[in-house]
Amino acid sequence: MRPLIKTVMLAALFILSACSAQQIATQKYTSAVFPFRHSDFDYKIAWKTTEANNVVVIDGIVKNVRYSYIDSINLTVFLLGPDGKIRTRATTVPAPQQTMKDDVVPFTVELHNVSLKPGDTLKFTIHYGGGDGGMDGGVDSLSTFGVDAMTGAVLHKDNLKPEEW
């Protein structure tokens, strides 16, 4: 009987620590820390860009604003020159991989052997699955948007307001 009680207690402790870790991540990663933002139908993204030693680092968060859960998140950032040609790209798989509605997921992307120049574009591609439960099987979503690499200004205008987080 004692091993069963220990197992149950360890499982409960593990579940509580996972919940508190998500709460800490949500509090730590607020959009106020990140100057650049983009809104889409089912997610919002905020980020900041820094450069050092020929590496462009993009730190940010993705927020699920539509589905009961999203998972299998994959984020690729392309750096395009003024001519539209790809200068470099990098992919990250943010963690945690499954997030509930209104949760945020932090990410970091490093673009190596480059520096930002006027006229450059950052093209974000976000791929993920999402769903509301039930029998529908969920969605497999791929979304892309581009921003001015120096200013973070979204290159296509829409009716969404990125400052509304």
Protein backbone atom coordinates (compact mmCIF):
# COMPACT_ATOMS: atom_id res chain seq x y z
CA MET A 1 0.00 0.00 0.00
CA ARG A 2 2.81 2.44 0.80
CA PRO A 3 4.38 2.30 -2.69
CA LEU A 4 0.98 3.18 -4.16
CA ILE A 5 0.65 6.22 -1.88
CA LYS A 6 4.18 7.36 -2.80
CA THR A 7 3.39 6.99 -6.49
CA VAL A 8 0.16 8.97 -6.19
CA MET A 9 1.91 11.70 -4.19
CA LEU A 10 4.74 11.96 -6.74
CA ALA A 11 2.24 12.14 -9.60
CA ALA A 12 0.29 14.89 -7.82
CA LEU A 13 3.50 16.82 -7.16
CA PHE A 14 4.51 16.51 -10.81
CA ILE A 15 1.12 17.78 -12.03
CA LEU A 16 1.18 20.73 -9.62
CA SER A 17 4.71 21.71 -10.63
CA ALA A 18 3.77 21.60 -14.32
CA CYS A 19 0.76 23.85 -13.69
CA SER A 20 2.80 26.33 -11.68
CA ALA A 21 5.53 26.38 -14.35
CA GLN A 22 2.93 27.35 -16.98
CA GLN A 23 1.56 30.07 -14.67
CA ILE A 24 5.07 31.46 -14.12
CA ALA A 25 5.73 31.42 -17.88
CA THR A 26 2.47 33.27 -18.53
CA GLN A 27 3.37 35.93 -15.96
CA LYS A 28 7.01 36.21 -17.06
CA TYR A 29 6.36 36.50 -20.78
CA THR A 30 4.02 39.42 -21.24
CA SER A 31 3.76 41.33 -24.48
CA ALA A 32 5.03 44.51 -22.77
CA VAL A 33 8.57 43.10 -22.89
CA PHE A 34 8.46 42.79 -26.68
CA PRO A 35 8.25 45.90 -28.89
CA PHE A 36 7.13 44.16 -32.11
CA ARG A 37 3.71 42.49 -32.49
CA HIS A 38 1.50 40.76 -34.99
CA SER A 39 -2.08 39.50 -34.62
CA ASP A 40 -3.71 36.74 -36.59
CA PHE A 41 -7.08 35.01 -36.32
CA ASP A 42 -5.95 32.27 -33.95
CA TYR A 43 -2.68 33.46 -32.41
CA LYS A 44 -0.76 36.58 -31.50
CA ILE A 45 3.00 36.92 -31.58
CA ALA A 46 5.30 39.47 -29.95
CA TRP A 47 9.10 39.64 -30.24
CA LYS A 48 12.26 41.66 -29.91
CA THR A 49 15.36 41.52 -32.07
CA THR A 50 18.96 41.90 -30.93
CA GLU A 51 22.26 41.64 -32.77
CA ALA A 52 25.71 40.65 -31.54
CA ASN A 53 28.76 39.02 -33.12
CA ASN A 54 27.11 38.49 -36.51
CA VAL A 55 24.08 36.75 -34.96
CA VAL A 56 20.52 38.10 -35.04
CA VAL A 57 18.52 36.80 -32.07
CA ILE A 58 14.73 36.94 -32.11
CA ASP A 59 13.14 36.34 -28.70
CA GLY A 60 9.39 36.30 -28.36
CA ILE A 61 6.13 34.68 -27.41
CA VAL A 62 3.22 33.10 -29.25
CA LYS A 63 -0.22 33.33 -27.64
CA ASN A 64 -3.07 30.97 -28.52
CA VAL A 65 -6.21 33.11 -28.80
CA ARG A 66 -8.59 30.79 -30.65
CA TYR A 67 -8.42 27.06 -29.92
CA SER A 68 -8.96 25.06 -26.73
CA TYR A 69 -5.42 23.84 -27.34
CA ILE A 70 -2.62 24.14 -29.87
CA ASP A 71 0.30 21.76 -30.26
CA SER A 72 3.06 20.68 -32.64
CA ILE A 73 4.25 24.30 -32.88
CA ASN A 74 7.05 24.92 -35.36
CA LEU A 75 8.33 28.46 -36.03
CA THR A 76 10.68 29.35 -38.90
CA VAL A 77 12.09 32.84 -39.48
CA PHE A 78 13.60 33.77 -42.85
CA LEU A 79 15.80 36.83 -43.33
CA LEU A 80 15.20 38.20 -46.83
CA GLY A 81 17.34 40.84 -48.47
CA PRO A 82 15.88 43.88 -50.27
CA ASP A 83 15.87 41.77 -53.45
CA GLY A 84 13.59 39.20 -51.79
CA LYS A 85 16.24 36.47 -51.75
CA ILE A 86 16.71 34.39 -48.62
CA ARG A 87 19.88 35.40 -46.75
CA THR A 88 19.40 32.84 -43.97
CA ARG A 89 16.73 31.05 -41.97
CA ALA A 90 16.31 29.24 -38.67
CA THR A 91 13.64 27.03 -37.14
CA THR A 92 12.67 26.46 -33.52
CA VAL A 93 10.22 24.18 -31.77
CA PRO A 94 8.95 26.20 -28.80
CA ALA A 95 8.13 24.46 -25.52
CA PRO A 96 5.76 23.58 -24.06
CA GLN A 97 4.30 22.07 -27.20
CA GLN A 98 0.69 21.95 -26.04
CA THR A 99 -0.87 25.14 -24.78
CA MET A 100 -4.41 25.99 -23.83
CA LYS A 101 -6.33 29.04 -24.97
CA ASP A 102 -4.74 32.31 -23.73
CA ASP A 103 -1.49 30.57 -22.78
CA VAL A 104 1.82 31.88 -24.12
CA VAL A 105 4.81 29.94 -25.40
CA PRO A 106 8.27 31.56 -25.41
CA PHE A 107 10.64 31.08 -28.34
CA THR A 108 14.13 32.04 -29.45
CA VAL A 109 15.43 31.97 -33.02
CA GLU A 110 19.07 32.66 -33.90
CA LEU A 111 20.05 33.73 -37.41
CA HIS A 112 23.79 33.11 -37.77
CA ASN A 113 26.42 34.88 -39.91
CA VAL A 114 24.23 37.90 -40.75
CA SER A 115 23.44 41.41 -39.61
CA LEU A 116 20.30 43.41 -40.31
CA LYS A 117 20.39 46.02 -43.07
CA PRO A 118 17.85 48.59 -44.24
CA GLY A 119 15.40 46.97 -46.64
CA ASP A 120 15.68 43.51 -45.06
CA THR A 121 12.53 41.54 -44.26
CA LEU A 122 11.86 38.98 -41.56
CA LYS A 123 9.34 36.40 -42.75
CA PHE A 124 7.73 34.38 -39.95
CA THR A 125 6.16 31.00 -40.74
CA ILE A 126 4.17 29.34 -37.95
CA HIS A 127 2.89 25.78 -38.29
CA TYR A 128 0.78 24.12 -35.59
CA GLY A 129 -2.18 21.91 -34.88
CA GLY A 130 -5.15 23.08 -32.91
CA GLY A 131 -8.55 21.96 -31.81
CA ASP A 132 -11.54 22.36 -29.60
CA GLY A 133 -11.93 18.67 -28.77
CA GLY A 134 -14.68 16.52 -30.13
CA MET A 135 -14.74 14.40 -33.26
CA ASP A 136 -13.62 16.98 -35.83
CA GLY A 137 -9.92 16.07 -35.54
CA GLY A 138 -8.79 19.69 -35.20
CA VAL A 139 -6.90 21.85 -37.68
CA ASP A 140 -3.45 21.82 -39.21
CA SER A 141 -2.55 25.48 -39.66
CA LEU A 142 0.25 27.25 -41.51
CA SER A 143 0.48 31.02 -41.28
CA THR A 144 3.03 33.43 -42.70
CA PHE A 145 3.64 37.14 -42.30
CA GLY A 146 6.48 39.51 -43.11
CA VAL A 147 7.87 42.50 -41.25
CA ASP A 148 10.49 45.14 -41.84
CA ALA A 149 13.55 43.66 -40.14
CA MET A 150 14.71 47.00 -38.73
CA THR A 151 11.40 48.44 -37.48
CA GLY A 152 9.15 45.39 -37.00
CA ALA A 153 6.42 47.04 -39.10
CA VAL A 154 4.12 44.42 -40.63
CA LEU A 155 4.44 44.56 -44.41
CA HIS A 156 0.80 43.79 -45.20
CA LYS A 157 -1.93 45.78 -43.56
CA ASP A 158 -5.10 44.22 -42.25
CA ASN A 159 -7.86 45.15 -39.86
CA LEU A 160 -6.22 43.55 -36.85
CA LYS A 161 -4.63 45.73 -34.20
CA PRO A 162 -1.37 44.22 -32.93
CA GLU A 163 -1.30 46.43 -29.84
CA GLU A 164 -4.42 44.62 -28.54
CA TRP A 165 -2.86 41.72 -26.73
